């Protein structure tokens, strides 16, 4: 994902604050090699992806929409994945 600019939804900023995730954490992850966990090509107004990144040894999931024409990345939410929901690779959901 080639983000020329990163913007945050109000929801993302609220959740990031609640979860102790800072903008520098997100920016660092988005500028590194990303692991795409899930694709949401039909999201509006832009397709989005759930990506996996790392803050030190801690995994972070970020849902980010991307406007390929302008290079704008919009962070929808970010969270520390829950071991009860995700396998230890942090890329696959556990069977329900």
Protein backbone atom coordinates (compact mmCIF):
# COMPACT_ATOMS: atom_id res chain seq x y z
CA UNK A 1 0.00 0.00 0.00
CA UNK A 2 1.62 3.22 -1.14
CA UNK A 3 0.15 5.85 1.20
CA UNK A 4 1.02 9.36 0.10
CA UNK A 5 -1.17 10.69 2.88
CA UNK A 6 -2.75 9.05 5.95
CA UNK A 7 -6.03 10.20 7.45
CA UNK A 8 -7.92 8.80 10.44
CA UNK A 9 -11.65 8.43 10.94
CA UNK A 10 -13.10 9.73 14.20
CA UNK A 11 -13.86 6.11 15.10
CA UNK A 12 -10.23 5.10 14.53
CA UNK A 13 -8.89 7.93 16.70
CA UNK A 14 -11.32 7.09 19.51
CA UNK A 15 -10.45 3.39 19.46
CA UNK A 16 -6.73 4.05 19.15
CA UNK A 17 -6.86 6.32 22.20
CA UNK A 18 -8.80 3.69 24.18
CA UNK A 19 -6.31 1.00 23.17
CA UNK A 20 -3.11 2.98 23.66
CA UNK A 21 -2.21 2.93 19.96
CA UNK A 22 -0.57 6.11 18.66
CA UNK A 23 -0.49 7.68 15.23
CA UNK A 24 3.27 6.98 14.99
CA UNK A 25 2.53 3.26 15.51
CA UNK A 26 0.11 3.30 12.60
CA UNK A 27 2.34 5.38 10.34
CA UNK A 28 5.29 3.09 10.98
CA UNK A 29 3.27 0.00 10.14
CA UNK A 30 1.71 1.49 7.00
CA UNK A 31 5.14 2.50 5.70
CA UNK A 32 6.56 -1.00 6.15
CA UNK A 33 5.89 -4.24 4.33
CA UNK A 34 2.32 -5.15 5.19
CA UNK A 35 0.74 -8.54 5.58
CA UNK A 36 -2.79 -8.44 4.19
CA UNK A 37 -5.08 -10.54 6.39
CA UNK A 38 -8.40 -9.84 4.67
CA UNK A 39 -9.55 -7.88 1.63
CA UNK A 40 -12.78 -5.89 1.52
CA UNK A 41 -12.96 -4.87 -2.15
CA UNK A 42 -16.60 -3.75 -1.97
CA UNK A 43 -16.17 -1.28 0.91
CA UNK A 44 -17.25 2.25 0.13
CA UNK A 45 -16.11 4.85 -0.66
CA UNK A 46 -12.82 2.94 -1.16
CA UNK A 47 -11.81 -0.71 -0.99
CA UNK A 48 -10.17 -1.58 2.32
CA UNK A 49 -7.96 -4.23 3.86
CA UNK A 50 -7.26 -5.66 7.26
CA UNK A 51 -3.48 -5.62 7.62
CA UNK A 52 -1.14 -7.06 10.21
CA UNK A 53 1.78 -5.07 11.52
CA UNK A 54 4.01 -5.07 14.57
CA UNK A 55 4.68 -2.62 17.37
CA UNK A 56 7.82 -4.15 18.76
CA UNK A 57 6.79 -7.74 19.57
CA UNK A 58 3.09 -6.89 19.73
CA UNK A 59 0.80 -7.58 16.75
CA UNK A 60 -1.56 -4.85 15.54
CA UNK A 61 -4.44 -5.12 13.12
CA UNK A 62 -5.36 -2.06 11.10
CA UNK A 63 -8.36 -1.68 8.82
CA UNK A 64 -7.35 0.81 6.16
CA UNK A 65 -9.17 2.08 3.07
CA UNK A 66 -7.07 3.11 0.10
CA UNK A 67 -7.81 5.52 -2.74
CA UNK A 68 -5.42 4.30 -5.42
CA UNK A 69 -5.86 7.47 -7.49
CA UNK A 70 -4.86 9.97 -4.81
CA UNK A 71 -2.74 7.70 -2.60
CA UNK A 72 -4.89 8.54 0.43
CA UNK A 73 -5.02 5.90 3.14
CA UNK A 74 -7.87 6.19 5.61
CA UNK A 75 -7.45 4.32 8.87
CA UNK A 76 -10.85 2.95 9.86
CA UNK A 77 -9.81 1.22 13.08
CA UNK A 78 -6.82 -0.39 14.77
CA UNK A 79 -6.62 -2.98 17.52
CA UNK A 80 -4.50 -5.59 19.21
CA UNK A 81 -5.86 -8.93 17.97
CA UNK A 82 -7.44 -11.15 20.63
CA UNK A 83 -5.94 -14.63 21.02
CA UNK A 84 -9.47 -15.93 21.64
CA UNK A 85 -10.47 -14.91 18.09
CA UNK A 86 -7.20 -15.25 16.13
CA UNK A 87 -4.73 -18.08 15.64
CA UNK A 88 -1.21 -17.40 16.88
CA UNK A 89 -0.11 -16.39 13.37
CA UNK A 90 -2.51 -13.41 13.80
CA UNK A 91 -3.55 -13.91 10.15
CA UNK A 92 -6.29 -16.50 10.43
CA UNK A 93 -9.43 -16.44 12.52
CA UNK A 94 -10.16 -19.36 14.80
CA UNK A 95 -13.07 -21.56 13.79
CA UNK A 96 -16.20 -20.65 15.70
